[in-house]
Amino acid sequence: MKAASDVLHVVMSDMHTGSVHALTQAEAWQGTDTAIIYPTALQQRIYKHFEYYAEQVAQERQGAKVRLIIDGDSIDGVHHHSGDVFTNNPEEMADINIGLLKHFKKRINWQRGDELYIVKGTQIHTGDFEEYIGKELNAQMDGDFHAFNFLQLVTNGVISWFIHHGPNAGEGANEGNMMYNFLKRIYYSAMKDHSVIPDIVYTAHVHNPTFAPFGWRDVNVFKIMYGVILPSWQSKTRYAFMAAPVSRNKIGGVTQLITGGGMIGVPKFYIME
């Protein structure tokens, strides 16, 4: 029997393409009803970090299969009359996002057997355009659809959940507590319902990354459930300065190695300085 190969989870979320505060293409762009749009100085920095992240993934993935998961809010959409977008056409936002992901796949040396998954985010941001993005990129399917509301993957025996909306990270001495309690609720609900207990739970949405473990035992076998809150690819908006005026918005992506034998590596957070 052929031995299982190592698998590298490459997980990004909250790209918010179309936002003047978020990751966008490196060159000038013009939409159907827009002037020529140039990336801002901050967007150029974010794009440079996007390239750096791709370089790190290319190095890490040597000898491993890649599972690339986009965990929601691929585009910013037209919402709340915010004025934070450079086009009011969400399909144009989606097409830019598709271009970014195609470029990322090329930079990480995408290979036969690698897999792309798209998870749906906040409806007011994305509408149904994550389905459009998934279809255009030939992402893995959830039945008849190319985007998942809830994604469960089994990787070399390791069960991972990917959901967009989850807990906040907490601050200061309380950082990680909300994720710990979130994992605890999942564990006790699974015990009551006799349902599956995941090994890793990835969430997003809050743009504030963290990592927290929850230990549990099955008779005398001790196990750990890991919780990961992903960083985003969007700097702070006017709304964010109102909701969390002094919190830093951390930009970047995550990798996590699952060995062929099912050993779970500590997630690596690639955060822009």
Protein backbone atom coordinates (compact mmCIF):
# COMPACT_ATOMS: atom_id res chain seq x y z
CA MET A 1 0.00 0.00 0.00
CA LYS A 2 1.32 3.42 -0.94
CA ALA A 3 2.23 5.56 2.08
CA ALA A 4 0.17 8.72 2.61
CA SER A 5 1.96 11.92 1.66
CA ASP A 6 2.36 15.05 3.75
CA VAL A 7 -0.31 17.69 3.13
CA LEU A 8 0.14 21.42 3.61
CA HIS A 9 -2.98 23.37 4.52
CA VAL A 10 -2.64 26.84 3.00
CA VAL A 11 -5.42 28.96 4.42
CA MET A 12 -6.40 32.54 3.61
CA SER A 13 -9.51 34.54 4.36
CA ASP A 14 -11.03 38.00 4.15
CA MET A 15 -9.32 39.05 0.94
CA HIS A 16 -12.06 41.70 0.45
CA THR A 17 -11.01 42.31 -3.14
CA GLY A 18 -12.49 45.57 -4.39
CA SER A 19 -11.85 47.45 -1.15
CA VAL A 20 -9.49 50.41 -1.36
CA HIS A 21 -7.98 49.07 1.89
CA ALA A 22 -7.37 45.48 0.72
CA LEU A 23 -5.18 43.30 -1.46
CA THR A 24 -5.55 44.06 -5.15
CA GLN A 25 -3.68 43.61 -8.43
CA ALA A 26 -0.17 45.00 -8.69
CA GLU A 27 -0.79 47.08 -11.79
CA ALA A 28 -3.19 49.85 -12.80
CA TRP A 29 -6.73 48.69 -13.50
CA GLN A 30 -9.81 50.18 -15.15
CA GLY A 31 -13.35 48.92 -14.85
CA THR A 32 -16.30 49.41 -17.13
CA ASP A 33 -17.49 52.50 -15.27
CA THR A 34 -14.37 53.63 -13.44
CA ALA A 35 -11.35 55.81 -14.04
CA ILE A 36 -7.93 54.17 -14.10
CA ILE A 37 -7.34 52.81 -10.58
CA TYR A 38 -3.83 52.64 -9.16
CA PRO A 39 -2.98 50.59 -6.06
CA THR A 40 -2.35 52.80 -3.05
CA ALA A 41 0.98 52.72 -1.23
CA LEU A 42 -0.57 50.46 1.42
CA GLN A 43 -2.06 48.15 -1.20
CA GLN A 44 1.38 47.84 -2.79
CA ARG A 45 2.77 46.78 0.60
CA ILE A 46 -0.02 44.24 1.01
CA TYR A 47 0.65 42.85 -2.46
CA LYS A 48 4.36 42.56 -1.69
CA HIS A 49 3.48 40.55 1.42
CA PHE A 50 1.14 38.40 -0.69
CA GLU A 51 4.12 37.58 -2.91
CA TYR A 52 6.27 36.85 0.15
CA TYR A 53 3.62 34.51 1.54
CA ALA A 54 3.51 32.66 -1.80
CA GLU A 55 7.31 32.28 -1.72
CA GLN A 56 7.15 30.75 1.77
CA VAL A 57 4.40 28.35 0.71
CA ALA A 58 6.46 27.29 -2.33
CA GLN A 59 9.34 26.41 0.00
CA GLU A 60 7.17 24.65 2.58
CA ARG A 61 5.21 22.59 0.08
CA GLN A 62 8.23 20.74 -1.33
CA GLY A 63 7.34 17.06 -1.20
CA ALA A 64 3.83 17.80 0.06
CA LYS A 65 0.40 18.12 -1.48
CA VAL A 66 -1.31 21.50 -1.08
CA ARG A 67 -4.85 22.06 0.04
CA LEU A 68 -5.58 25.75 -0.53
CA ILE A 69 -8.63 27.00 1.35
CA ILE A 70 -10.12 30.49 1.00
CA ASP A 71 -12.21 30.84 4.16
CA GLY A 72 -14.73 33.48 3.16
CA ASP A 73 -15.16 37.14 2.18
CA SER A 74 -13.26 36.85 -1.08
CA ILE A 75 -14.65 40.21 -2.24
CA ASP A 76 -15.72 43.33 -0.40
CA GLY A 77 -18.96 43.84 -2.33
CA VAL A 78 -21.12 46.93 -2.33
CA HIS A 79 -22.41 47.31 1.21
CA HIS A 80 -23.66 49.93 3.65
CA HIS A 81 -22.84 52.77 1.20
CA SER A 82 -19.38 52.71 2.75
CA GLY A 83 -17.46 54.31 -0.11
CA ASP A 84 -14.60 51.88 0.62
CA VAL A 85 -14.65 50.24 -2.82
CA PHE A 86 -13.04 51.26 -6.12
CA THR A 87 -15.77 49.69 -8.26
CA ASN A 88 -19.47 49.16 -7.64
CA ASN A 89 -19.48 46.06 -9.84
CA PRO A 90 -19.03 42.90 -7.72
CA GLU A 91 -18.32 40.79 -10.81
CA GLU A 92 -15.30 42.99 -11.52
CA MET A 93 -14.16 42.47 -7.92
CA ALA A 94 -14.57 38.72 -8.37
CA ASP A 95 -12.57 38.75 -11.61
CA ILE A 96 -9.69 40.57 -9.89
CA ASN A 97 -9.83 38.01 -7.07
CA ILE A 98 -9.69 35.18 -9.60
CA GLY A 99 -6.60 36.77 -11.14
CA LEU A 100 -4.93 37.04 -7.73
CA LEU A 101 -5.61 33.38 -6.93
CA LYS A 102 -4.38 32.23 -10.35
CA HIS A 103 -1.17 34.17 -9.74
CA PHE A 104 -0.83 32.68 -6.24
CA LYS A 105 -1.27 29.15 -7.55
CA LYS A 106 1.45 29.76 -10.12
CA ARG A 107 3.83 31.18 -7.51
CA ILE A 108 3.42 28.19 -5.17
CA ASN A 109 4.12 25.72 -8.00
CA TRP A 110 0.62 24.30 -8.22
CA GLN A 111 0.77 20.60 -9.06
CA ARG A 112 -1.52 17.79 -10.09
CA GLY A 113 -3.32 16.55 -6.99
CA ASP A 114 -3.38 19.96 -5.26
CA GLU A 115 -6.87 21.12 -4.30
CA LEU A 116 -8.65 24.47 -3.99
CA TYR A 117 -11.66 25.00 -1.73
CA ILE A 118 -13.79 28.14 -1.47
CA VAL A 119 -15.82 28.80 1.70
CA LYS A 120 -18.65 31.32 1.71
CA GLY A 121 -18.32 34.44 3.84
CA THR A 122 -20.63 37.28 4.85
CA GLN A 123 -23.52 37.50 2.39
CA ILE A 124 -23.72 41.30 2.39
CA HIS A 125 -20.09 41.38 1.21
CA THR A 126 -20.00 38.54 -1.29
CA GLY A 127 -23.53 37.72 -2.41
CA ASP A 128 -23.17 34.58 -4.53
CA PHE A 129 -19.90 35.59 -6.13
CA GLU A 130 -17.83 33.08 -4.16
CA GLU A 131 -19.70 30.42 -6.15
CA TYR A 132 -18.71 32.28 -9.33
CA ILE A 133 -15.06 32.44 -8.20
CA GLY A 134 -15.03 28.74 -7.31
CA LYS A 135 -16.54 27.76 -10.66
CA GLU A 136 -14.09 29.88 -12.66
CA LEU A 137 -11.14 28.37 -10.75
CA ASN A 138 -12.47 24.80 -10.92
CA ALA A 139 -12.53 24.56 -7.11
CA GLN A 140 -13.58 21.38 -5.34
CA MET A 141 -17.35 20.95 -5.28
CA ASP A 142 -19.96 20.62 -2.55
CA GLY A 143 -22.47 18.56 -4.48
CA ASP A 144 -23.61 20.85 -7.32
CA PHE A 145 -21.83 23.93 -5.99
CA HIS A 146 -18.27 25.26 -6.05
CA ALA A 147 -18.39 26.99 -2.65
CA PHE A 148 -19.09 25.61 0.82
CA ASN A 149 -21.13 27.06 3.68
CA PHE A 150 -19.32 24.62 5.96
CA LEU A 151 -16.25 22.68 4.90
CA GLN A 152 -15.03 19.51 6.58
CA LEU A 153 -11.83 17.94 5.29
CA VAL A 154 -10.19 14.71 6.40
CA THR A 155 -6.44 14.96 5.79
CA ASN A 156 -4.43 11.83 6.62
CA GLY A 157 -7.02 11.00 9.29
CA VAL A 158 -7.05 14.55 10.71
CA ILE A 159 -10.50 16.19 10.70
CA SER A 160 -10.52 19.92 9.96
CA TRP A 161 -13.46 22.31 9.91
CA PHE A 162 -13.41 25.57 7.96
CA ILE A 163 -16.10 28.14 8.77
CA HIS A 164 -16.06 31.87 8.19
CA HIS A 165 -17.88 33.19 11.25
CA GLY A 166 -16.46 32.25 14.62
CA PRO A 167 -15.32 33.78 17.91
CA ASN A 168 -13.22 36.88 18.44
CA ALA A 169 -9.62 36.51 19.50
CA GLY A 170 -9.83 38.52 22.72
CA GLU A 171 -7.23 41.01 23.86
CA GLY A 172 -4.40 41.20 26.34
CA ALA A 173 -4.57 38.58 29.07
CA ASN A 174 -7.86 37.30 27.60
CA GLU A 175 -6.48 36.56 24.15
CA GLY A 176 -7.43 33.04 23.08
CA ASN A 177 -10.07 32.54 25.78
CA MET A 178 -13.00 33.01 23.40
CA MET A 179 -11.58 30.48 20.96
CA TYR A 180 -10.90 28.03 23.82
CA ASN A 181 -14.54 28.32 24.94
CA PHE A 182 -15.71 27.96 21.33
CA LEU A 183 -13.80 24.68 21.03
CA LYS A 184 -15.14 23.57 24.40
CA ARG A 185 -18.71 24.11 23.18
CA ILE A 186 -17.98 22.08 20.05
CA TYR A 187 -16.60 19.24 22.19
CA TYR A 188 -19.55 19.07 24.60
CA SER A 189 -22.09 19.37 21.78
CA ALA A 190 -20.38 16.47 20.00
CA MET A 191 -20.42 14.38 23.17
CA LYS A 192 -24.16 15.00 23.64
CA ASP A 193 -24.99 14.27 20.00
CA HIS A 194 -22.46 11.43 19.55
CA SER A 195 -21.10 13.31 16.53
CA VAL A 196 -17.63 13.89 15.14
CA ILE A 197 -15.07 15.86 17.14
CA PRO A 198 -12.77 17.84 14.83
CA ASP A 199 -9.02 18.06 15.33
CA ILE A 200 -8.65 21.59 13.90
CA VAL A 201 -11.20 24.38 13.56
CA TYR A 202 -10.35 27.33 11.31
CA THR A 203 -12.44 30.50 11.53
CA ALA A 204 -12.09 34.02 10.12
CA HIS A 205 -14.14 37.25 9.86
CA VAL A 206 -12.71 39.17 12.83
CA HIS A 207 -9.36 40.03 11.14
CA ASN A 208 -7.49 39.30 14.37
CA PRO A 209 -5.51 36.03 14.25
CA THR A 210 -4.94 33.70 17.15
CA PHE A 211 -4.23 30.06 17.96
CA ALA A 212 -5.62 28.19 20.95
CA PRO A 213 -5.71 24.50 21.97
CA PHE A 214 -8.41 22.67 23.92
CA GLY A 215 -7.37 19.43 25.60
CA TRP A 216 -9.79 16.56 26.12
CA ARG A 217 -9.56 12.82 26.78
CA ASP A 218 -11.21 9.65 25.62
CA VAL A 219 -10.92 7.39 28.68
CA ASN A 220 -7.13 7.46 29.19
CA VAL A 221 -6.17 8.79 25.74
CA PHE A 222 -5.54 12.52 25.78
CA LYS A 223 -6.23 14.56 22.67
CA ILE A 224 -6.08 18.19 21.56
CA MET A 225 -8.46 20.21 19.41
CA TYR A 226 -6.76 23.20 17.78
CA GLY A 227 -8.48 26.49 17.01
CA VAL A 228 -7.12 28.95 14.44
CA ILE A 229 -8.48 32.42 13.73
CA LEU A 230 -7.10 33.61 10.43
CA PRO A 231 -5.65 37.01 9.62
CA SER A 232 -7.12 39.06 6.76
CA TRP A 233 -5.84 40.80 3.63
CA GLN A 234 -7.59 44.08 4.43
CA SER A 235 -6.28 46.98 6.48
CA LYS A 236 -8.56 48.82 8.87
CA THR A 237 -11.59 50.51 7.36
CA ARG A 238 -13.44 53.48 8.80
CA TYR A 239 -15.90 51.06 10.40
CA ALA A 240 -13.03 49.10 11.96
CA PHE A 241 -11.57 52.25 13.49
CA MET A 242 -14.97 52.87 15.07
CA ALA A 243 -15.48 49.30 16.31
CA ALA A 244 -11.90 48.65 17.48
CA PRO A 245 -10.02 51.96 17.40
CA VAL A 246 -6.76 50.82 19.02
CA SER A 247 -6.55 47.21 17.81
CA ARG A 248 -4.08 46.34 15.08
CA ASN A 249 -5.46 44.72 11.95
CA LYS A 250 -3.06 41.91 11.06
CA ILE A 251 -2.59 41.03 7.42
CA GLY A 252 -1.41 37.68 6.06
CA GLY A 253 -2.04 33.97 5.67
CA VAL A 254 -1.47 30.67 7.48
CA THR A 255 0.10 27.30 6.70
CA GLN A 256 -0.22 24.10 8.70
CA LEU A 257 1.42 20.77 7.89
CA ILE A 258 -0.36 17.44 8.35
CA THR A 259 2.14 14.61 7.96
CA GLY A 260 1.42 11.38 6.17
CA GLY A 261 1.19 9.74 9.58
CA GLY A 262 -1.42 12.20 10.80
CA MET A 263 0.80 14.38 12.98
CA ILE A 264 -0.49 17.96 13.24
CA GLY A 265 2.04 20.75 12.95
CA VAL A 266 1.80 24.08 14.72
CA PRO A 267 0.26 26.64 12.35
CA LYS A 268 2.59 29.25 10.89
CA PHE A 269 1.20 32.78 10.68
CA TYR A 270 2.79 34.96 8.00
CA ILE A 271 1.88 38.43 9.21
CA MET A 272 2.87 41.66 7.45
CA GLU A 273 5.08 43.88 9.58
